[in-house]
């Protein structure tokens, strides 16, 4: 006999498990179906493991310059097996926490591949879930509501087959047993730049090949230029405006060679390994959507403002619906979907109030419109900028590269966007986002007393700089 639930969540990532917890808080009987491990890509093959490696790389880079802090350290080296072991222990700790939360919320977790069923003897409407278990057994569960949170996977390129030896995605790179001497990274977006940063800090020779005219093309242009300058200073080779010729790939003598078409002609690049970092593809195949009325367009599930699919009792959130493919967005969408199911008032996600972070060295964080986007939308723009070189806490840290930039509507003084590059800016961006949510003006940000010495003073100074009133510049 099939089990019945108020809500079944297909996918146990940060969108799915957060939605399940919220549903349990609202008194629903909830189940999660997960084919691998709770936490999804974010915990097991994305956010957490990559940041663990980035932290180890940052510590190593700092130790190599420890004499600047008056600390003498000899024979500094990398034991990459211990780096990987630390990463694994962090994942395991987080997984234990998730399992506790499932138990606390009385959320039943089914392990196996879940497929959505059409109308059947189990339910007159589509939405029952067939669970195919690792041992070959099957089980059917029937929800009143179904939430699809199937996530995404690394996108690949034709002609660059992922073999795990020469050609990797971030999934395979996270499991490397040892560091290569050199790495080609195809794609200069967030993931590509994070990998370029951590690998270069570990002493790997890195070349980034990006099709756009600049790295981090979705960030403010001044941020991109500063990151480019700082990576080049660290001997990372950046090749932009490059069209990769994937029919030219050769693998021999333990190295891979690819060619790219540039403005000045064709150029070849050789390294020990190649990392494909060109975005992520939604997981919408092989989950039974063809048995429903759910629509898929441009590779993602179509939903309305409440995350309902064409089957109104079936919702979808996170990477599988496209948009901003970020863990915190998936979590926010999951809560909104569940609260709509429960009949609560919800609000549509405003993409301009979603913080975006790149956890490289230095870090990048932003929220709202870039200066160019604001101009393209017809705003008359004024901007303020303040360097971390004038911030005492940044000098104490020994990390003074970068700046905070505030973009404002000249007519209304509304805050349009905040963009940062520098030390710990992925923590600082929360203040800027709160200012956006509360419709704060630069004057209000500046009038907020910021403790001294802190890095957050750069936000207040940049807000003052909008009208030329910065104190320490």
Protein backbone atom coordinates (compact mmCIF):
# COMPACT_ATOMS: atom_id res chain seq x y z
CA UNK A 1 0.00 0.00 0.00
CA UNK A 2 1.32 3.43 -0.89
CA UNK A 3 2.06 6.03 1.80
CA UNK A 4 0.29 9.39 1.68
CA UNK A 5 1.77 12.80 2.54
CA UNK A 6 0.67 16.40 2.53
CA UNK A 7 3.87 17.33 0.70
CA UNK A 8 6.53 15.34 -1.08
CA UNK A 9 9.72 17.12 -2.07
CA UNK A 10 11.70 15.67 -4.96
CA UNK A 11 15.30 16.64 -4.21
CA UNK A 12 17.06 17.19 -0.88
CA UNK A 13 19.23 20.20 -1.67
CA UNK A 14 19.04 23.63 0.01
CA UNK A 15 15.80 24.38 -1.81
CA UNK A 16 14.18 21.04 -1.05
CA UNK A 17 15.19 20.46 2.55
CA UNK A 18 14.47 24.07 3.60
CA UNK A 19 11.01 23.79 2.01
CA UNK A 20 10.45 20.50 3.84
CA UNK A 21 11.40 22.02 7.19
CA UNK A 22 9.08 25.00 6.66
CA UNK A 23 6.24 22.66 5.66
CA UNK A 24 6.80 20.60 8.80
CA UNK A 25 6.69 23.80 10.89
CA UNK A 26 3.29 24.51 9.31
CA UNK A 27 2.00 21.13 10.45
CA UNK A 28 2.28 19.19 7.19
CA UNK A 29 3.21 15.55 6.90
CA UNK A 30 6.32 15.74 4.72
CA UNK A 31 8.64 13.45 2.81
CA UNK A 32 11.81 14.07 0.82
CA UNK A 33 12.99 11.84 -2.01
CA UNK A 34 16.73 12.13 -2.63
CA UNK A 35 18.73 9.90 -5.00
CA UNK A 36 22.09 10.64 -3.39
CA UNK A 37 22.74 12.54 -0.15
CA UNK A 38 20.83 15.24 1.65
CA UNK A 39 22.26 18.69 1.02
CA UNK A 40 22.32 18.21 -2.75
CA UNK A 41 24.97 19.81 -4.92
CA UNK A 42 25.52 22.69 -2.50
CA UNK A 43 26.67 20.55 0.40
CA UNK A 44 28.24 17.63 -1.43
CA UNK A 45 29.66 18.98 -4.72
CA UNK A 46 29.33 22.76 -4.66
CA UNK A 47 29.11 25.59 -2.12
CA UNK A 48 30.54 23.94 0.97
CA UNK A 49 33.36 21.74 -0.43
CA UNK A 50 34.59 24.43 -2.81
CA UNK A 51 34.70 27.00 0.00
CA UNK A 52 36.59 24.52 2.18
CA UNK A 53 39.26 24.23 -0.53
CA UNK A 54 39.27 28.02 -0.98
CA UNK A 55 39.88 28.49 2.74
CA UNK A 56 42.83 26.07 2.74
CA UNK A 57 44.27 27.85 -0.29
CA UNK A 58 43.82 31.22 1.42
CA UNK A 59 45.59 30.00 4.58
CA UNK A 60 48.47 28.68 2.50
CA UNK A 61 48.79 31.96 0.58
CA UNK A 62 48.78 33.89 3.87
CA UNK A 63 51.40 31.64 5.45
CA UNK A 64 53.71 32.14 2.51
CA UNK A 65 53.64 35.84 3.35
CA UNK A 66 53.69 35.42 7.14
CA UNK A 67 56.89 37.48 7.47
CA UNK A 68 54.72 40.55 6.67
CA UNK A 69 52.98 39.93 9.99
CA UNK A 70 56.20 39.34 11.90
CA UNK A 71 55.74 35.57 11.89
CA UNK A 72 58.59 33.31 10.75
CA UNK A 73 57.36 30.01 9.31
CA UNK A 74 59.70 27.57 7.60
CA UNK A 75 59.04 24.62 5.29
CA UNK A 76 55.49 25.64 4.40
CA UNK A 77 53.86 23.19 2.05
CA UNK A 78 50.56 21.68 0.95
CA UNK A 79 49.43 18.20 1.99
CA UNK A 80 46.52 17.95 -0.38
CA UNK A 81 45.23 14.71 1.09
CA UNK A 82 44.71 16.55 4.38
CA UNK A 83 43.07 19.45 2.55
CA UNK A 84 40.62 16.96 1.07
CA UNK A 85 40.13 15.22 4.41
CA UNK A 86 39.22 18.54 6.04
CA UNK A 87 36.73 19.21 3.26
CA UNK A 88 35.16 15.77 3.77
CA UNK A 89 34.87 16.27 7.55
CA UNK A 90 33.03 19.58 7.05
CA UNK A 91 30.57 17.92 4.67
CA UNK A 92 30.03 15.06 7.11
CA UNK A 93 29.39 17.48 9.98
CA UNK A 94 26.82 19.39 7.94
CA UNK A 95 25.17 16.14 6.83
CA UNK A 96 24.75 15.04 10.43
CA UNK A 97 23.09 18.36 11.17
CA UNK A 98 20.68 17.91 8.27
CA UNK A 99 19.75 14.41 9.38
CA UNK A 100 19.03 15.79 12.85
CA UNK A 101 16.77 18.48 11.36
CA UNK A 102 14.86 15.84 9.41
CA UNK A 103 14.35 13.82 12.57
CA UNK A 104 13.35 16.93 14.54
CA UNK A 105 10.74 17.85 11.93
CA UNK A 106 9.50 14.24 11.58
CA UNK A 107 10.33 14.49 7.87
CA UNK A 108 10.60 11.09 6.22
CA UNK A 109 13.55 10.74 3.85
CA UNK A 110 13.38 8.20 1.02
CA UNK A 111 16.63 7.24 -0.70
CA UNK A 112 16.31 6.54 -4.39
CA UNK A 113 15.52 8.03 -7.79
CA UNK A 114 12.10 9.62 -7.74
CA UNK A 115 9.94 9.78 -10.87
CA UNK A 116 6.69 11.68 -11.14
CA UNK A 117 3.74 9.52 -12.19
CA UNK A 118 0.75 10.50 -14.24
CA UNK A 119 -2.85 9.73 -13.18
CA UNK A 120 -2.98 6.13 -11.99
CA UNK A 121 -4.67 3.74 -9.58
CA UNK A 122 -2.65 5.44 -6.83
CA UNK A 123 -3.94 8.94 -7.56
CA UNK A 124 -6.47 10.39 -10.02
CA UNK A 125 -4.12 13.29 -10.72
CA UNK A 126 -0.46 13.40 -11.70
CA UNK A 127 2.01 13.74 -8.85
CA UNK A 128 2.44 10.38 -7.18
CA UNK A 129 6.13 9.51 -6.98
CA UNK A 130 7.70 6.18 -7.84
CA UNK A 131 10.95 5.67 -5.90
CA UNK A 132 13.51 3.40 -7.55
CA UNK A 133 15.87 2.20 -4.85
CA UNK A 134 19.49 1.12 -5.19
CA UNK A 135 18.61 -2.51 -4.41
CA UNK A 136 16.11 -2.63 -7.29
CA UNK A 137 13.00 -2.33 -5.14
CA UNK A 138 10.35 0.29 -5.85
CA UNK A 139 7.98 2.20 -3.64
CA UNK A 140 5.13 4.58 -4.43
CA UNK A 141 4.25 7.59 -2.30
CA UNK A 142 1.27 9.86 -2.88
CA UNK A 143 1.26 13.56 -1.95
CA UNK A 144 -1.47 16.17 -1.92
CA UNK A 145 1.21 18.56 -3.17
CA UNK A 146 4.49 17.86 -4.90
CA UNK A 147 7.52 20.16 -4.93
CA UNK A 148 10.18 19.64 -7.59
CA UNK A 149 13.63 20.72 -6.37
CA UNK A 150 15.85 18.61 -8.59
CA UNK A 151 18.67 21.13 -8.94
CA UNK A 152 21.23 21.24 -11.71
CA UNK A 153 24.50 19.77 -12.94
CA UNK A 154 27.60 21.26 -14.56
CA UNK A 155 26.98 22.19 -18.18
CA UNK A 156 29.31 20.56 -20.71
CA UNK A 157 30.56 21.54 -24.16
CA UNK A 158 30.31 19.48 -27.36
CA UNK A 159 33.68 18.05 -28.21
CA UNK A 160 34.92 18.22 -24.62
CA UNK A 161 33.80 14.91 -23.18
CA UNK A 162 34.23 14.74 -19.41
CA UNK A 163 36.68 11.91 -18.77
CA UNK A 164 37.75 12.71 -15.20
CA UNK A 165 41.41 12.55 -16.18
CA UNK A 166 42.07 15.35 -18.65
CA UNK A 167 38.69 17.06 -18.83
CA UNK A 168 36.83 17.84 -15.61
CA UNK A 169 33.82 19.69 -14.34
CA UNK A 170 33.74 21.11 -10.83
CA UNK A 171 32.37 17.73 -9.67
CA UNK A 172 35.52 15.88 -10.69
CA UNK A 173 37.85 18.73 -9.70
CA UNK A 174 36.56 18.61 -6.13
CA UNK A 175 37.66 14.97 -5.90
CA UNK A 176 41.20 15.40 -7.26
CA UNK A 177 43.65 13.29 -5.25
CA UNK A 178 46.53 15.63 -6.07
CA UNK A 179 47.03 19.05 -7.55
CA UNK A 180 48.05 19.32 -11.22
CA UNK A 181 50.98 21.49 -12.22
CA UNK A 182 48.80 23.41 -14.68
CA UNK A 183 45.09 23.87 -15.38
CA UNK A 184 43.09 25.38 -18.23
CA UNK A 185 39.77 26.79 -17.06
CA UNK A 186 37.13 27.30 -19.74
CA UNK A 187 34.78 29.96 -18.41
CA UNK A 188 35.56 33.09 -16.43
CA UNK A 189 32.32 33.36 -14.48
CA UNK A 190 31.90 32.88 -10.74
CA UNK A 191 32.86 29.19 -10.57
CA UNK A 192 35.76 29.58 -12.99
CA UNK A 193 37.23 32.52 -11.08
CA UNK A 194 36.86 30.75 -7.73
CA UNK A 195 38.80 27.81 -9.12
CA UNK A 196 41.39 30.09 -10.70
CA UNK A 197 41.91 31.76 -7.34
CA UNK A 198 42.24 28.63 -5.24
CA UNK A 199 44.43 26.77 -7.74
CA UNK A 200 46.79 29.71 -8.19
CA UNK A 201 47.05 30.06 -4.39
CA UNK A 202 48.05 26.39 -4.27
CA UNK A 203 50.79 27.08 -6.83
CA UNK A 204 49.07 25.69 -9.93
CA UNK A 205 49.75 27.47 -13.24
CA UNK A 206 46.30 28.68 -14.32
CA UNK A 207 44.94 29.93 -17.64
CA UNK A 208 41.33 31.14 -17.88
CA UNK A 209 39.67 31.16 -21.32
CA UNK A 210 36.51 33.30 -21.43
CA UNK A 211 34.22 33.92 -24.41
CA UNK A 212 33.06 37.34 -23.16
CA UNK A 213 35.23 40.43 -23.34
CA UNK A 214 35.83 40.37 -19.60
CA UNK A 215 35.82 37.95 -16.70
CA UNK A 216 32.88 38.03 -14.25
CA UNK A 217 30.79 39.52 -17.07
CA UNK A 218 27.65 39.83 -14.92
CA UNK A 219 29.38 42.01 -12.34
CA UNK A 220 29.93 45.77 -12.53
CA UNK A 221 32.64 46.52 -15.09
CA UNK A 222 34.90 48.21 -12.54
CA UNK A 223 34.72 45.09 -10.35
CA UNK A 224 35.68 42.89 -13.29
CA UNK A 225 38.62 45.10 -14.18
CA UNK A 226 39.91 45.09 -10.60
CA UNK A 227 39.65 41.30 -10.37
CA UNK A 228 41.43 40.96 -13.68
CA UNK A 229 44.23 43.22 -12.47
CA UNK A 230 44.66 41.31 -9.22
CA UNK A 231 44.61 37.86 -10.84
CA UNK A 232 47.18 38.93 -13.40
CA UNK A 233 49.32 40.19 -10.52
CA UNK A 234 49.18 36.62 -9.19
CA UNK A 235 50.36 35.29 -12.59
CA UNK A 236 46.96 33.92 -13.64
CA UNK A 237 46.69 34.12 -17.43
CA UNK A 238 43.37 35.57 -18.59
CA UNK A 239 42.27 35.15 -22.19
CA UNK A 240 39.02 36.96 -23.00
CA UNK A 241 37.00 37.28 -26.20
CA UNK A 242 38.00 33.72 -27.02
CA UNK A 243 35.94 31.23 -29.03
CA UNK A 244 37.00 27.73 -28.06
CA UNK A 245 37.58 25.36 -30.98
CA UNK A 246 36.53 22.08 -29.40
CA UNK A 247 37.28 20.08 -32.54
CA UNK A 248 40.98 20.77 -31.98
CA UNK A 249 41.40 18.94 -28.66
CA UNK A 250 44.37 16.61 -28.30
CA UNK A 251 45.46 14.53 -25.32
CA UNK A 252 48.97 13.14 -25.21
CA UNK A 253 51.98 12.86 -22.93
CA UNK A 254 49.84 13.54 -19.88
CA UNK A 255 48.59 16.90 -21.17
CA UNK A 256 45.61 18.33 -23.01
CA UNK A 257 45.78 20.95 -25.76
CA UNK A 258 42.94 23.10 -27.06
CA UNK A 259 42.79 26.00 -29.48
CA UNK A 260 40.78 29.20 -29.33
CA UNK A 261 39.95 31.81 -31.93
CA UNK A 262 41.01 35.29 -30.78
CA UNK A 263 40.92 38.72 -32.37
CA UNK A 264 44.53 38.29 -33.44
CA UNK A 265 44.13 34.74 -34.77
CA UNK A 266 44.08 31.20 -33.43
CA UNK A 267 46.06 30.30 -30.32
CA UNK A 268 46.76 26.94 -28.67
CA UNK A 269 46.78 26.28 -24.94
CA UNK A 270 48.26 23.27 -23.14
CA UNK A 271 47.97 22.12 -19.53
CA UNK A 272 47.80 18.98 -17.42
CA UNK A 273 44.03 19.26 -17.03
CA UNK A 274 41.10 21.29 -18.34
CA UNK A 275 38.18 22.43 -16.19
CA UNK A 276 34.89 23.13 -17.98
CA UNK A 277 33.11 25.92 -16.09
CA UNK A 278 30.39 27.25 -18.39
CA UNK A 279 27.34 27.29 -16.14
CA UNK A 280 24.86 24.67 -15.01
CA UNK A 281 22.03 22.74 -16.70
CA UNK A 282 18.71 22.08 -14.95
CA UNK A 283 17.91 18.50 -13.97
CA UNK A 284 14.58 18.08 -15.74
CA UNK A 285 15.20 14.82 -17.59
CA UNK A 286 14.41 11.33 -16.36
CA UNK A 287 12.08 12.50 -13.55
CA UNK A 288 8.77 11.70 -15.24
CA UNK A 289 7.68 15.15 -16.40
CA UNK A 290 6.43 13.66 -19.66
CA UNK A 291 3.65 11.95 -17.68
CA UNK A 292 2.30 15.34 -16.59
CA UNK A 293 1.14 18.63 -18.10
CA UNK A 294 4.26 20.40 -16.77
CA UNK A 295 5.96 22.55 -19.41
CA UNK A 296 9.69 22.77 -20.00
CA UNK A 297 11.04 25.69 -22.02
CA UNK A 298 14.68 26.45 -22.78
CA UNK A 299 15.71 23.57 -20.56
CA UNK A 300 13.91 24.70 -17.37
CA UNK A 301 10.52 24.05 -15.78
CA UNK A 302 7.95 26.80 -16.35
CA UNK A 303 6.32 28.18 -13.19
CA UNK A 304 4.13 31.14 -12.25
CA UNK A 305 4.88 33.78 -9.60
CA UNK A 306 3.92 31.31 -6.86
CA UNK A 307 6.19 28.54 -8.28
CA UNK A 308 3.23 26.50 -9.52
CA UNK A 309 3.69 24.49 -12.68
CA UNK A 310 0.94 23.85 -15.25
CA UNK A 311 -0.25 21.22 -12.74
CA UNK A 312 -1.35 23.62 -10.00
CA UNK A 313 -0.70 21.14 -7.16
CA UNK A 314 2.86 20.58 -8.40
CA UNK A 315 5.38 23.32 -7.61
CA UNK A 316 9.02 23.72 -8.72
CA UNK A 317 11.86 25.78 -7.28
CA UNK A 318 15.61 26.31 -7.46
CA UNK A 319 17.99 25.58 -10.30
CA UNK A 320 15.46 23.45 -12.19
CA UNK A 321 13.38 26.58 -12.94
CA UNK A 322 16.36 28.67 -14.09
CA UNK A 323 16.77 32.27 -13.01
CA UNK A 324 19.45 32.95 -10.40
CA UNK A 325 20.88 29.51 -9.72
CA UNK A 326 21.99 30.19 -6.17
CA UNK A 327 21.47 28.12 -3.02
CA UNK A 328 19.99 31.02 -1.05
CA UNK A 329 17.56 31.73 -3.90
CA UNK A 330 16.41 28.09 -3.91
CA UNK A 331 15.84 28.22 -0.14
CA UNK A 332 13.86 31.45 -0.42
CA UNK A 333 11.76 30.01 -3.26
CA UNK A 334 11.15 26.82 -1.30
CA UNK A 335 9.75 28.71 1.67
CA UNK A 336 7.60 30.89 -0.59
CA UNK A 337 6.17 27.85 -2.40
CA UNK A 338 5.33 26.04 0.82
CA UNK A 339 3.72 29.12 2.35
CA UNK A 340 1.59 29.52 -0.78
CA UNK A 341 0.52 25.88 -0.44
CA UNK A 342 -0.45 26.68 3.16
CA UNK A 343 -2.53 29.66 2.05
CA UNK A 344 -0.23 32.30 3.50
CA UNK A 345 0.53 35.63 1.83
CA UNK A 346 3.75 35.49 -0.16
CA UNK A 347 5.78 37.98 -2.14
CA UNK A 348 7.38 37.51 -5.53
CA UNK A 349 11.17 37.31 -5.59
CA UNK A 350 12.91 40.52 -6.67
CA UNK A 351 16.12 39.51 -8.41
CA UNK A 352 17.62 42.94 -7.74
CA UNK A 353 17.46 42.18 -4.02
CA UNK A 354 19.38 38.93 -4.24
CA UNK A 355 23.04 39.15 -3.15
CA UNK A 356 25.59 37.47 -5.43
CA UNK A 357 28.96 36.32 -4.13
CA UNK A 358 32.25 35.09 -5.56
CA UNK A 359 34.45 33.52 -2.90
CA UNK A 360 37.78 34.11 -4.60
CA UNK A 361 40.75 36.03 -3.18
CA UNK A 362 39.77 38.83 -3.02
CA UNK A 363 36.06 38.19 -2.65
CA UNK A 364 33.38 39.81 -4.81
CA UNK A 365 29.83 40.60 -3.71
CA UNK A 366 27.02 42.63 -5.23
CA UNK A 367 23.33 43.38 -5.06
CA UNK A 368 21.09 45.37 -7.39
CA UNK A 369 21.91 47.00 -10.70
CA UNK A 370 25.39 47.60 -12.06
CA UNK A 371 26.14 51.15 -13.15
CA UNK A 372 25.72 50.17 -16.81
CA UNK A 373 22.47 48.29 -16.18
CA UNK A 374 21.09 51.33 -14.39
CA UNK A 375 22.01 53.59 -17.30
CA UNK A 376 20.51 51.11 -19.78
CA UNK A 377 17.23 51.27 -17.82
CA UNK A 378 17.17 55.05 -18.22
CA UNK A 379 18.32 56.14 -14.78
CA UNK A 380 20.45 59.22 -14.31
CA UNK A 381 23.17 57.71 -12.18
CA UNK A 382 25.60 58.97 -9.61
CA UNK A 383 28.07 56.69 -7.87
CA UNK A 384 30.37 56.71 -4.86
CA UNK A 385 33.46 54.57 -4.43
CA UNK A 386 35.77 53.98 -1.50
CA UNK A 387 38.99 51.98 -1.42
CA UNK A 388 39.91 49.48 1.29
CA UNK A 389 43.39 51.03 1.27
CA UNK A 390 41.95 53.78 3.51
CA UNK A 391 40.32 51.35 5.95
CA UNK A 392 42.31 50.64 9.10
CA UNK A 393 40.92 47.12 9.59
CA UNK A 394 41.93 46.20 6.02
CA UNK A 395 45.47 47.38 6.80
CA UNK A 396 45.43 45.25 9.96
CA UNK A 397 44.31 42.23 7.91
CA UNK A 398 46.98 42.94 5.32
CA UNK A 399 44.31 42.90 2.60
CA UNK A 400 43.83 46.38 1.15
CA UNK A 401 43.03 45.63 -2.50
CA UNK A 402 39.52 46.44 -3.70
CA UNK A 403 36.73 48.89 -3.02
CA UNK A 404 33.03 49.41 -2.33
CA UNK A 405 30.93 51.08 -5.03
CA UNK A 406 27.44 52.50 -4.45
CA UNK A 407 25.16 53.22 -7.44
CA UNK A 408 22.31 55.71 -6.88
CA UNK A 409 19.43 57.25 -8.83
CA UNK A 410 20.40 60.94 -9.08
CA UNK A 411 16.75 62.09 -9.24
CA UNK A 412 15.34 60.21 -6.24
CA UNK A 413 18.50 59.27 -4.31
CA UNK A 414 17.26 55.66 -4.33
CA UNK A 415 19.92 53.01 -3.85
CA UNK A 416 20.14 51.05 -7.13
CA UNK A 417 23.09 48.77 -6.47
CA UNK A 418 26.11 48.07 -4.29
CA UNK A 419 29.23 46.35 -5.61
CA UNK A 420 32.25 45.22 -3.64
CA UNK A 421 35.59 43.58 -4.18
CA UNK A 422 37.93 43.07 -1.26
CA UNK A 423 38.40 41.27 2.06
CA UNK A 424 35.33 39.50 3.48
CA UNK A 425 32.89 41.39 1.27
CA UNK A 426 30.66 38.32 1.04
CA UNK A 427 29.85 39.03 4.69
CA UNK A 428 29.50 42.81 4.19
CA UNK A 429 26.97 42.51 1.36
CA UNK A 430 24.18 41.61 3.80
CA UNK A 431 24.12 45.20 5.07
CA UNK A 432 23.83 46.52 1.53
CA UNK A 433 21.02 44.11 0.76
CA UNK A 434 19.13 45.11 3.91
CA UNK A 435 19.50 48.74 2.82
CA UNK A 436 17.94 47.80 -0.54
CA UNK A 437 15.09 45.91 1.14
CA UNK A 438 14.36 48.86 3.45
CA UNK A 439 14.73 51.42 0.64
CA UNK A 440 17.51 53.18 2.51
CA UNK A 441 19.23 56.14 0.91
CA UNK A 442 23.01 56.67 0.90
CA UNK A 443 22.47 59.36 3.56
CA UNK A 444 20.75 56.83 5.84
CA UNK A 445 23.54 54.31 5.34
CA UNK A 446 26.13 56.97 6.16
CA UNK A 447 24.19 58.11 9.24
CA UNK A 448 24.19 54.56 10.59
CA UNK A 449 27.10 54.39 13.04
CA UNK A 450 29.61 51.80 11.85
CA UNK A 451 32.01 50.47 14.49
CA UNK A 452 35.70 51.32 14.20
CA UNK A 453 37.87 49.65 13.18
CA UNK A 454 35.83 47.43 10.87
CA UNK A 455 35.72 46.69 7.17
CA UNK A 456 32.09 47.83 7.18
CA UNK A 457 33.27 51.45 7.42
CA UNK A 458 33.97 51.22 3.68
CA UNK A 459 30.21 50.97 3.04
CA UNK A 460 29.48 54.15 4.98
CA UNK A 461 32.35 55.98 3.28
CA UNK A 462 31.22 54.88 -0.18
CA UNK A 463 27.70 56.08 0.64
CA UNK A 464 29.13 59.47 1.63
CA UNK A 465 31.25 59.51 -1.53
CA UNK A 466 28.07 59.51 -3.65
CA UNK A 467 27.76 63.23 -2.89
CA UNK A 468 31.48 63.90 -2.48
CA UNK A 469 31.33 63.91 1.32
CA UNK A 470 33.58 60.95 2.15
CA UNK A 471 35.53 61.67 5.34
CA UNK A 472 38.66 59.55 4.90
CA UNK A 473 39.36 60.07 1.20
